[in-house]
Amino acid sequence: MKTLFEAIRPATFVESEKLKSLLNLDLTVASETFQHTGSFKFRAAYNLALNAPNEEILTASSGNFGQALAYACQLLNKKCTVVMPETSARVKIEAVRNYGATVDLVDTQKIGRNERVARLAEQMPNAYFASAYDDEFVINGNASLGAELAVRNFDVIISPVGGGGLSSGIVKGLCDAGGVAQVFGAEPLLANDAARSFQAGKII
């Protein structure tokens, strides 16, 4: 059984001379395109599957976290059920299935994913419910990227913010490694619930 750092692929760092010239600053892109299943989600998923005491894991996902968790569970010989909207990309649905997970498709016009997960959780009392972002195992898994960033001594790190699992993990990994870079979260203006929540002091 591999540890998290043995299982993941390190991030790919790309320096762009064009962006450097355009913005008049040194800019490095940290890409997770070559991570297992194609995104940073594998870091979180593997750490969760590795550390959750349950032999079965339940989650909801439109695709990326579902794929990552399905693959992690395959590697660790655990069962995995992923609740996905019927409108999810077919390639992502098939990818989750191909990794050995059970896919539970829902019509989100009739029932929300969280409601469906709650119903399944009642039927699967021994399963661990995995949030794609609001989970200590997820944040600790993403902290592995923060540790990789710390050794490069960046002045500033800009992290995308969705649910907050990646940005939280990056901050934790940086702090654990003694990094001093400033971290900024970036999100679309029309979906800036993290910024509004931060300003309000509560989750919006």
Foldseek 3Di string as FASTA:
>chain_A
DDDLVVQWDAWDKDWDPVVCVVVVHTDIDTACCVIVLRHLLLLLLLLCLVPPPFLEAEEEDLARNLLSNLQSSLVVVGAYEYEHEPPRDPVRVVSSVVSPYHYHYDPCVVPNSVRVSVVVCVVVVRYHYDYSAPDPSNLCSLLVNLLVVQVVQDQEAEAEDDPCSNVSSNVVNNVVNVHDHHYHYDDDPVRPQVVVCVVVVHRD
